[in-house]
């Protein structure tokens, strides 16, 4: 039920725009933002170590994960299985570098994090290494029993249709 309430809060925040988001941003404390940023670092380290378990341990039991390619994974166990498959397959030589993190609190127990990463070393289905790309993820964090967890993760490419630099 908390996850449904968190997603409802996300929808309300989106409906009323940035003004209500910036007002709500003040509800989280510095220690909460620090805890969320630490989890983001752990997610990146798990990816860079190609460890699906470490990259998925912070998800709620009913979380939803959507990858940049549109792969959907449900629940912490499903996310661990899906990430393990990706990290041992097309991303076995890939690395992420976090470029930017923005955390906004909707309520004291719900926060949104926008994270921009640069992804390098990802393999295409035919095996050739793709050029580095920037990805932007939206991560919904919920706090339950004093601990922050990820309830939802959605990833997209940054400017995927821009012409290549010359």
N, C-alpha and C. Protein backbone atom coordinates (compact mmCIF):
# COMPACT_ATOMS: atom_id res chain seq x y z
N UNK A 1 0.82 -1.19 0.00
CA UNK A 1 0.00 0.00 0.00
C UNK A 1 0.86 1.26 0.00
N UNK A 2 1.98 1.21 0.74
CA UNK A 2 2.86 2.38 0.75
C UNK A 2 3.38 2.71 -0.64
N UNK A 3 3.67 1.65 -1.45
CA UNK A 3 4.18 1.88 -2.79
C UNK A 3 3.12 2.55 -3.65
N UNK A 4 1.87 2.13 -3.50
CA UNK A 4 0.78 2.75 -4.25
C UNK A 4 0.64 4.21 -3.85
N UNK A 5 0.72 4.47 -2.54
CA UNK A 5 0.65 5.86 -2.07
C UNK A 5 1.81 6.68 -2.60
N UNK A 6 3.00 6.07 -2.65
CA UNK A 6 4.17 6.78 -3.17
C UNK A 6 3.97 7.14 -4.64
N UNK A 7 3.46 6.21 -5.41
CA UNK A 7 3.24 6.48 -6.83
C UNK A 7 2.11 7.48 -7.02
N UNK A 8 1.10 7.44 -6.16
CA UNK A 8 0.03 8.44 -6.23
C UNK A 8 0.60 9.83 -5.93
N UNK A 9 1.49 9.91 -4.95
CA UNK A 9 2.12 11.19 -4.64
C UNK A 9 2.93 11.69 -5.82
N UNK A 10 3.60 10.75 -6.52
CA UNK A 10 4.36 11.11 -7.72
C UNK A 10 3.43 11.70 -8.77
N UNK A 11 2.27 11.07 -8.99
CA UNK A 11 1.31 11.56 -9.98
C UNK A 11 0.78 12.94 -9.59
N UNK A 12 0.47 13.14 -8.31
CA UNK A 12 -0.01 14.44 -7.85
C UNK A 12 1.07 15.49 -8.06
N UNK A 13 2.31 15.16 -7.69
CA UNK A 13 3.42 16.11 -7.89
C UNK A 13 3.58 16.46 -9.34
N UNK A 14 3.45 15.49 -10.23
CA UNK A 14 3.58 15.75 -11.66
C UNK A 14 2.45 16.62 -12.16
N UNK A 15 1.25 16.40 -11.64
CA UNK A 15 0.08 17.16 -12.08
C UNK A 15 0.20 18.62 -11.69
N UNK A 16 0.67 18.89 -10.48
CA UNK A 16 0.71 20.26 -10.01
C UNK A 16 2.01 20.97 -10.33
N UNK A 17 2.95 20.28 -10.93
CA UNK A 17 4.15 20.93 -11.46
C UNK A 17 5.24 21.18 -10.46
N UNK A 18 6.19 21.96 -10.92
CA UNK A 18 7.42 22.20 -10.19
C UNK A 18 7.19 22.97 -8.90
N UNK A 19 6.22 23.87 -8.87
CA UNK A 19 6.01 24.68 -7.67
C UNK A 19 5.71 23.78 -6.48
N UNK A 20 4.83 22.81 -6.65
CA UNK A 20 4.54 21.95 -5.51
C UNK A 20 5.71 21.04 -5.20
N UNK A 21 6.50 20.68 -6.21
CA UNK A 21 7.68 19.84 -5.97
C UNK A 21 8.71 20.61 -5.16
N UNK A 22 8.95 21.87 -5.51
CA UNK A 22 9.98 22.60 -4.80
C UNK A 22 9.56 22.88 -3.36
N UNK A 23 8.27 23.07 -3.12
CA UNK A 23 7.80 23.24 -1.75
C UNK A 23 7.97 21.97 -0.95
N UNK A 24 7.73 20.83 -1.59
CA UNK A 24 7.85 19.56 -0.90
C UNK A 24 9.30 19.17 -0.68
N UNK A 25 10.18 19.75 -1.45
CA UNK A 25 11.58 19.37 -1.37
C UNK A 25 12.14 19.60 0.03
N UNK A 26 11.57 20.51 0.76
CA UNK A 26 12.09 20.86 2.06
C UNK A 26 11.72 19.84 3.15
N UNK A 27 10.88 18.83 2.81
CA UNK A 27 10.42 17.90 3.83
C UNK A 27 11.45 16.87 4.24
N UNK A 28 12.44 16.59 3.41
CA UNK A 28 13.47 15.61 3.76
C UNK A 28 14.64 16.28 4.43
N UNK A 29 15.30 15.57 5.32
CA UNK A 29 16.46 16.13 5.99
C UNK A 29 17.74 15.77 5.27
N UNK A 30 18.82 16.43 5.66
CA UNK A 30 20.13 16.16 5.06
C UNK A 30 20.52 14.70 5.22
N UNK A 31 20.21 14.09 6.38
CA UNK A 31 20.57 12.69 6.58
C UNK A 31 19.79 11.77 5.63
N UNK A 32 18.56 12.15 5.28
CA UNK A 32 17.78 11.37 4.32
C UNK A 32 18.38 11.48 2.93
N UNK A 33 18.73 12.69 2.53
CA UNK A 33 19.34 12.85 1.21
C UNK A 33 20.68 12.12 1.14
N UNK A 34 21.45 12.18 2.20
CA UNK A 34 22.73 11.46 2.24
C UNK A 34 22.50 9.96 2.09
N UNK A 35 21.50 9.43 2.77
CA UNK A 35 21.20 7.99 2.68
C UNK A 35 20.79 7.60 1.27
N UNK A 36 19.98 8.44 0.62
CA UNK A 36 19.55 8.17 -0.75
C UNK A 36 20.74 8.21 -1.69
N UNK A 37 21.58 9.22 -1.56
CA UNK A 37 22.77 9.32 -2.42
C UNK A 37 23.71 8.12 -2.22
N UNK A 38 23.81 7.63 -1.00
CA UNK A 38 24.63 6.45 -0.73
C UNK A 38 24.07 5.23 -1.47
N UNK A 39 22.76 5.08 -1.47
CA UNK A 39 22.13 3.96 -2.20
C UNK A 39 22.41 4.09 -3.69
N UNK A 40 22.36 5.30 -4.22
CA UNK A 40 22.64 5.51 -5.65
C UNK A 40 24.08 5.07 -5.96
N UNK A 41 25.01 5.40 -5.09
CA UNK A 41 26.39 4.97 -5.27
C UNK A 41 26.47 3.44 -5.23
N UNK A 42 25.76 2.81 -4.30
CA UNK A 42 25.76 1.35 -4.20
C UNK A 42 25.18 0.71 -5.48
N UNK A 43 24.16 1.33 -6.04
CA UNK A 43 23.57 0.81 -7.29
C UNK A 43 24.61 0.84 -8.41
N UNK A 44 25.33 1.96 -8.51
CA UNK A 44 26.35 2.11 -9.54
C UNK A 44 27.50 1.13 -9.32
N UNK A 45 27.94 0.99 -8.07
CA UNK A 45 29.01 0.04 -7.77
C UNK A 45 28.60 -1.38 -8.11
N UNK A 46 27.35 -1.75 -7.80
CA UNK A 46 26.86 -3.08 -8.14
C UNK A 46 26.90 -3.31 -9.64
N UNK A 47 26.49 -2.29 -10.40
CA UNK A 47 26.55 -2.39 -11.86
C UNK A 47 27.99 -2.54 -12.32
N UNK A 48 28.86 -1.67 -11.85
CA UNK A 48 30.27 -1.69 -12.29
C UNK A 48 31.00 -2.96 -11.88
N UNK A 49 30.55 -3.61 -10.81
CA UNK A 49 31.13 -4.89 -10.38
C UNK A 49 30.42 -6.07 -11.04
N UNK A 50 29.44 -5.76 -11.90
CA UNK A 50 28.67 -6.79 -12.62
C UNK A 50 28.04 -7.79 -11.65
N UNK A 51 27.49 -7.24 -10.57
CA UNK A 51 26.90 -8.03 -9.49
C UNK A 51 25.42 -7.70 -9.39
N UNK A 52 24.58 -8.54 -9.99
CA UNK A 52 23.14 -8.30 -10.00
C UNK A 52 22.54 -8.24 -8.61
N UNK A 53 23.03 -9.06 -7.71
CA UNK A 53 22.51 -9.05 -6.33
C UNK A 53 22.80 -7.72 -5.65
N UNK A 54 24.04 -7.24 -5.77
CA UNK A 54 24.41 -5.97 -5.16
C UNK A 54 23.68 -4.79 -5.81
N UNK A 55 23.44 -4.89 -7.11
CA UNK A 55 22.76 -3.81 -7.84
C UNK A 55 21.26 -3.79 -7.58
N UNK A 56 20.72 -4.87 -6.97
CA UNK A 56 19.27 -4.96 -6.78
C UNK A 56 18.85 -5.04 -5.32
N UNK A 57 19.78 -5.11 -4.40
CA UNK A 57 19.43 -5.33 -3.00
C UNK A 57 18.60 -4.20 -2.39
N UNK A 58 18.61 -3.02 -2.99
CA UNK A 58 17.94 -1.85 -2.42
C UNK A 58 16.50 -1.67 -2.88
N UNK A 59 16.01 -2.59 -3.71
CA UNK A 59 14.64 -2.47 -4.22
C UNK A 59 13.64 -3.08 -3.24
N UNK A 60 12.43 -2.50 -3.23
CA UNK A 60 11.34 -3.04 -2.42
C UNK A 60 10.89 -4.38 -3.02
N UNK A 61 10.23 -5.22 -2.23
CA UNK A 61 9.76 -6.51 -2.75
C UNK A 61 8.81 -6.37 -3.95
N UNK A 62 8.11 -5.23 -4.05
CA UNK A 62 7.16 -5.04 -5.15
C UNK A 62 7.59 -3.94 -6.12
N UNK A 63 8.88 -3.64 -6.17
CA UNK A 63 9.39 -2.58 -7.04
C UNK A 63 9.21 -2.93 -8.51
N UNK A 64 9.25 -1.89 -9.34
CA UNK A 64 9.24 -2.08 -10.80
C UNK A 64 10.47 -1.38 -11.35
N UNK A 65 11.14 -2.06 -12.30
CA UNK A 65 12.35 -1.56 -12.94
C UNK A 65 12.11 -1.57 -14.44
N UNK A 66 12.37 -0.44 -15.11
CA UNK A 66 12.29 -0.37 -16.57
C UNK A 66 13.64 0.11 -17.08
N UNK A 67 14.29 -0.74 -17.89
CA UNK A 67 15.61 -0.40 -18.41
C UNK A 67 15.49 0.55 -19.59
N UNK A 68 16.62 1.06 -20.03
CA UNK A 68 16.68 1.98 -21.16
C UNK A 68 16.14 1.33 -22.44
N UNK A 69 16.21 0.01 -22.53
CA UNK A 69 15.69 -0.71 -23.69
C UNK A 69 14.24 -1.11 -23.52
N UNK A 70 13.64 -0.76 -22.40
CA UNK A 70 12.25 -1.10 -22.16
C UNK A 70 12.04 -2.45 -21.51
N UNK A 71 13.11 -3.10 -21.05
CA UNK A 71 12.97 -4.34 -20.29
C UNK A 71 12.27 -4.02 -18.98
N UNK A 72 11.19 -4.75 -18.65
CA UNK A 72 10.50 -4.53 -17.38
C UNK A 72 10.76 -5.69 -16.44
N UNK A 73 11.09 -5.34 -15.22
CA UNK A 73 11.34 -6.34 -14.18
C UNK A 73 10.49 -5.96 -12.98
N UNK A 74 9.91 -6.96 -12.34
CA UNK A 74 9.02 -6.72 -11.20
C UNK A 74 9.53 -7.42 -9.95
N UNK A 75 9.49 -6.69 -8.85
CA UNK A 75 9.89 -7.23 -7.56
C UNK A 75 11.40 -7.30 -7.42
N UNK A 76 11.85 -7.25 -6.19
CA UNK A 76 13.29 -7.26 -5.92
C UNK A 76 13.93 -8.51 -6.51
N UNK A 77 13.31 -9.66 -6.34
CA UNK A 77 13.89 -10.90 -6.85
C UNK A 77 13.93 -10.90 -8.38
N UNK A 78 12.87 -10.39 -9.03
CA UNK A 78 12.85 -10.31 -10.49
C UNK A 78 13.87 -9.32 -11.02
N UNK A 79 14.05 -8.22 -10.30
CA UNK A 79 15.04 -7.22 -10.70
C UNK A 79 16.44 -7.81 -10.58
N UNK A 80 16.69 -8.55 -9.51
CA UNK A 80 18.01 -9.19 -9.34
C UNK A 80 18.27 -10.16 -10.48
N UNK A 81 17.29 -10.98 -10.83
CA UNK A 81 17.46 -11.94 -11.94
C UNK A 81 17.71 -11.20 -13.25
N UNK A 82 16.91 -10.17 -13.52
CA UNK A 82 17.05 -9.42 -14.77
C UNK A 82 18.37 -8.70 -14.87
N UNK A 83 18.78 -8.03 -13.79
CA UNK A 83 20.06 -7.33 -13.81
C UNK A 83 21.23 -8.31 -13.91
N UNK A 84 21.12 -9.45 -13.25
CA UNK A 84 22.18 -10.46 -13.35
C UNK A 84 22.34 -10.93 -14.79
N UNK A 85 21.22 -11.12 -15.49
CA UNK A 85 21.28 -11.54 -16.89
C UNK A 85 21.92 -10.46 -17.76
N UNK A 86 21.52 -9.21 -17.55
CA UNK A 86 22.08 -8.10 -18.33
C UNK A 86 23.58 -7.96 -18.04
N UNK A 87 23.95 -8.02 -16.75
CA UNK A 87 25.34 -7.80 -16.35
C UNK A 87 26.26 -8.95 -16.74
N UNK A 88 25.72 -10.12 -17.04
CA UNK A 88 26.55 -11.22 -17.51
C UNK A 88 26.47 -11.37 -19.04
N UNK A 89 25.62 -10.53 -19.66
CA UNK A 89 25.45 -10.58 -21.10
C UNK A 89 25.95 -9.31 -21.75
N UNK A 90 25.01 -8.52 -22.28
CA UNK A 90 25.39 -7.33 -23.05
C UNK A 90 26.15 -6.28 -22.26
N UNK A 91 26.07 -6.32 -20.93
CA UNK A 91 26.76 -5.31 -20.12
C UNK A 91 27.95 -5.91 -19.36
N UNK A 92 28.44 -7.08 -19.78
CA UNK A 92 29.50 -7.74 -19.00
C UNK A 92 30.80 -6.94 -18.98
N UNK A 93 31.00 -6.04 -19.93
CA UNK A 93 32.19 -5.18 -19.94
C UNK A 93 31.83 -3.70 -19.79
N UNK A 94 30.59 -3.44 -19.43
CA UNK A 94 30.10 -2.06 -19.35
C UNK A 94 30.41 -1.44 -17.98
N UNK A 95 30.52 -0.12 -17.98
CA UNK A 95 30.69 0.64 -16.74
C UNK A 95 29.81 1.88 -16.79
N UNK A 96 29.41 2.32 -15.60
CA UNK A 96 28.64 3.56 -15.46
C UNK A 96 29.47 4.57 -14.69
N UNK A 97 29.28 5.82 -15.06
CA UNK A 97 29.89 6.93 -14.32
C UNK A 97 28.78 7.93 -14.04
N UNK A 98 28.53 8.18 -12.76
CA UNK A 98 27.48 9.12 -12.39
C UNK A 98 27.95 10.53 -12.64
N UNK A 99 27.11 11.27 -13.37
CA UNK A 99 27.45 12.65 -13.74
C UNK A 99 26.67 13.67 -12.94
N UNK A 100 25.42 13.32 -12.57
CA UNK A 100 24.58 14.28 -11.86
C UNK A 100 23.51 13.54 -11.08
N UNK A 101 23.21 14.03 -9.88
CA UNK A 101 22.13 13.49 -9.06
C UNK A 101 21.35 14.66 -8.48
N UNK A 102 20.03 14.61 -8.63
CA UNK A 102 19.14 15.58 -8.01
C UNK A 102 18.11 14.82 -7.20
N UNK A 103 17.96 15.17 -5.92
CA UNK A 103 17.00 14.51 -5.05
C UNK A 103 15.95 15.54 -4.64
N UNK A 104 14.67 15.15 -4.78
CA UNK A 104 13.56 16.01 -4.36
C UNK A 104 12.62 15.18 -3.49
N UNK A 105 12.24 15.75 -2.35
CA UNK A 105 11.34 15.07 -1.44
C UNK A 105 9.90 15.50 -1.72
N UNK A 106 9.04 14.51 -1.91
CA UNK A 106 7.61 14.77 -2.09
C UNK A 106 6.93 14.79 -0.73
N UNK A 107 7.35 13.87 0.12
CA UNK A 107 6.91 13.78 1.52
C UNK A 107 8.13 13.36 2.32
N UNK A 108 8.06 13.38 3.62
CA UNK A 108 9.23 12.95 4.39
C UNK A 108 9.65 11.51 4.10
N UNK A 109 8.72 10.68 3.60
CA UNK A 109 9.04 9.27 3.34
C UNK A 109 9.01 8.90 1.86
N UNK A 110 8.96 9.90 0.97
CA UNK A 110 8.96 9.66 -0.48
C UNK A 110 9.85 10.69 -1.15
N UNK A 111 10.79 10.20 -1.97
CA UNK A 111 11.70 11.11 -2.68
C UNK A 111 11.88 10.64 -4.11
N UNK A 112 12.13 11.60 -4.98
CA UNK A 112 12.46 11.32 -6.38
C UNK A 112 13.93 11.66 -6.58
N UNK A 113 14.63 10.80 -7.29
CA UNK A 113 16.02 11.08 -7.64
C UNK A 113 16.14 11.00 -9.15
N UNK A 114 16.65 12.05 -9.77
CA UNK A 114 17.01 12.03 -11.18
C UNK A 114 18.52 11.84 -11.22
N UNK A 115 18.96 10.80 -11.93
CA UNK A 115 20.37 10.45 -11.98
C UNK A 115 20.80 10.37 -13.43
N UNK A 116 21.83 11.13 -13.78
CA UNK A 116 22.40 11.05 -15.13
C UNK A 116 23.71 10.27 -15.03
N UNK A 117 23.78 9.20 -15.82
CA UNK A 117 24.99 8.37 -15.88
C UNK A 117 25.52 8.34 -17.30
N UNK A 118 26.82 8.17 -17.43
CA UNK A 118 27.41 7.86 -18.72
C UNK A 118 27.69 6.36 -18.71
N UNK A 119 27.18 5.67 -19.72
CA UNK A 119 27.35 4.23 -19.85
C UNK A 119 28.32 3.95 -20.99
N UNK A 120 29.35 3.16 -20.70
CA UNK A 120 30.37 2.80 -21.69
C UNK A 120 30.52 1.29 -21.72
N UNK A 121 30.87 0.77 -22.88
CA UNK A 121 31.21 -0.64 -23.00
C UNK A 121 30.04 -1.59 -23.21
N UNK A 122 28.85 -1.06 -23.44
CA UNK A 122 27.68 -1.90 -23.66
C UNK A 122 27.77 -2.53 -25.05
N UNK A 123 27.41 -3.80 -25.15
CA UNK A 123 27.46 -4.52 -26.43
C UNK A 123 26.09 -4.52 -27.10
N UNK A 124 26.09 -4.36 -28.40
CA UNK A 124 24.88 -4.48 -29.21
C UNK A 124 24.54 -5.96 -29.36
N UNK A 125 23.32 -6.28 -29.82
CA UNK A 125 22.97 -7.70 -30.01
C UNK A 125 23.94 -8.46 -30.90
N UNK A 126 24.57 -7.77 -31.86
CA UNK A 126 25.54 -8.47 -32.74
C UNK A 126 26.94 -8.56 -32.13
N UNK A 127 27.11 -8.02 -30.91
CA UNK A 127 28.38 -8.13 -30.21
C UNK A 127 29.31 -6.94 -30.30
N UNK A 128 29.08 -6.02 -31.25
CA UNK A 128 30.00 -4.87 -31.32
C UNK A 128 29.70 -3.90 -30.17
N UNK A 129 30.75 -3.22 -29.73
CA UNK A 129 30.63 -2.30 -28.60
C UNK A 129 30.00 -1.01 -29.08
N UNK A 130 28.95 -0.60 -28.38
CA UNK A 130 28.25 0.63 -28.71
C UNK A 130 29.02 1.85 -28.18
N UNK A 131 28.83 3.00 -28.82
CA UNK A 131 29.48 4.21 -28.29
C UNK A 131 28.92 4.55 -26.90
N UNK A 132 29.69 5.26 -26.12
CA UNK A 132 29.23 5.72 -24.82
C UNK A 132 27.97 6.55 -24.99
N UNK A 133 27.09 6.47 -24.01
CA UNK A 133 25.85 7.22 -24.06
C UNK A 133 25.50 7.72 -22.67
N UNK A 134 24.72 8.77 -22.63
CA UNK A 134 24.22 9.27 -21.35
C UNK A 134 22.80 8.76 -21.15
N UNK A 135 22.52 8.35 -19.92
CA UNK A 135 21.21 7.87 -19.55
C UNK A 135 20.71 8.68 -18.36
N UNK A 136 19.42 8.93 -18.35
CA UNK A 136 18.77 9.64 -17.24
C UNK A 136 17.76 8.70 -16.62
N UNK A 137 17.88 8.46 -15.34
CA UNK A 137 16.91 7.61 -14.66
C UNK A 137 16.12 8.42 -13.64
N UNK A 138 14.88 8.01 -13.47
CA UNK A 138 14.03 8.53 -12.40
C UNK A 138 13.86 7.39 -11.42
N UNK A 139 14.21 7.62 -10.17
CA UNK A 139 14.13 6.60 -9.13
C UNK A 139 13.21 7.11 -8.03
N UNK A 140 12.21 6.32 -7.69
CA UNK A 140 11.28 6.67 -6.62
C UNK A 140 11.74 5.93 -5.36
N UNK A 141 12.09 6.70 -4.35
CA UNK A 141 12.54 6.15 -3.07
C UNK A 141 11.43 6.27 -2.04
N UNK A 142 11.27 5.23 -1.23
CA UNK A 142 10.32 5.25 -0.12
C UNK A 142 11.06 4.87 1.15
N UNK A 143 10.64 5.48 2.24
CA UNK A 143 11.26 5.20 3.54
C UNK A 143 10.27 4.41 4.37
N UNK A 144 10.70 3.24 4.80
CA UNK A 144 9.84 2.37 5.60
C UNK A 144 10.67 1.84 6.76
N UNK A 145 10.16 1.95 7.96
CA UNK A 145 10.86 1.50 9.17
C UNK A 145 12.27 2.10 9.25
N UNK A 146 12.39 3.36 8.84
CA UNK A 146 13.65 4.09 8.95
C UNK A 146 14.65 3.83 7.84
N UNK A 147 14.31 2.98 6.86
CA UNK A 147 15.26 2.65 5.79
C UNK A 147 14.70 3.07 4.43
N UNK A 148 15.57 3.64 3.60
CA UNK A 148 15.18 4.03 2.25
C UNK A 148 15.37 2.85 1.30
N UNK A 149 14.40 2.68 0.40
CA UNK A 149 14.47 1.66 -0.64
C UNK A 149 13.94 2.25 -1.94
N UNK A 150 14.26 1.59 -3.04
CA UNK A 150 13.79 2.02 -4.36
C UNK A 150 12.50 1.27 -4.68
N UNK A 151 11.42 2.03 -4.93
CA UNK A 151 10.12 1.45 -5.28
C UNK A 151 9.92 1.39 -6.79
N UNK A 152 10.59 2.29 -7.52
CA UNK A 152 10.45 2.31 -8.98
C UNK A 152 11.70 2.93 -9.59
N UNK A 153 12.06 2.41 -10.78
CA UNK A 153 13.23 2.87 -11.52
C UNK A 153 12.84 2.88 -12.98
N UNK A 154 13.08 4.00 -13.65
CA UNK A 154 12.82 4.08 -15.09
C UNK A 154 13.97 4.82 -15.73
N UNK A 155 14.51 4.26 -16.80
CA UNK A 155 15.71 4.78 -17.44
C UNK A 155 15.42 5.17 -18.89
N UNK A 156 16.06 6.22 -19.37
CA UNK A 156 15.92 6.64 -20.76
C UNK A 156 17.24 7.22 -21.26
N UNK A 157 17.41 7.22 -22.57
CA UNK A 157 18.60 7.84 -23.16
C UNK A 157 18.46 9.35 -23.15
N UNK A 158 19.56 10.05 -22.94
CA UNK A 158 19.58 11.50 -23.03
C UNK A 158 19.81 11.87 -24.49
N UNK A 159 18.90 12.62 -25.06
CA UNK A 159 19.00 13.10 -26.44
C UNK A 159 19.33 11.98 -27.44
N UNK A 160 18.52 10.90 -27.49
CA UNK A 160 18.88 9.79 -28.37
C UNK A 160 18.78 10.12 -29.86
N UNK A 161 18.07 11.17 -30.22
CA UNK A 161 17.89 11.47 -31.65
C UNK A 161 18.71 12.67 -32.11
N UNK A 162 19.61 13.13 -31.24
CA UNK A 162 20.49 14.23 -31.62
C UNK A 162 21.50 13.76 -32.66
N UNK A 163 21.86 14.65 -33.59
CA UNK A 163 22.89 14.25 -34.56
C UNK A 163 24.21 14.04 -33.85
N UNK A 164 25.05 13.15 -34.35
CA UNK A 164 26.35 12.92 -33.72
C UNK A 164 27.22 14.17 -33.77
N UNK A 165 28.08 14.36 -32.76
CA UNK A 165 28.97 15.52 -32.78
C UNK A 165 29.95 15.40 -33.93
N UNK A 166 30.33 16.54 -34.49
CA UNK A 166 31.27 16.56 -35.63
C UNK A 166 32.64 16.95 -35.20
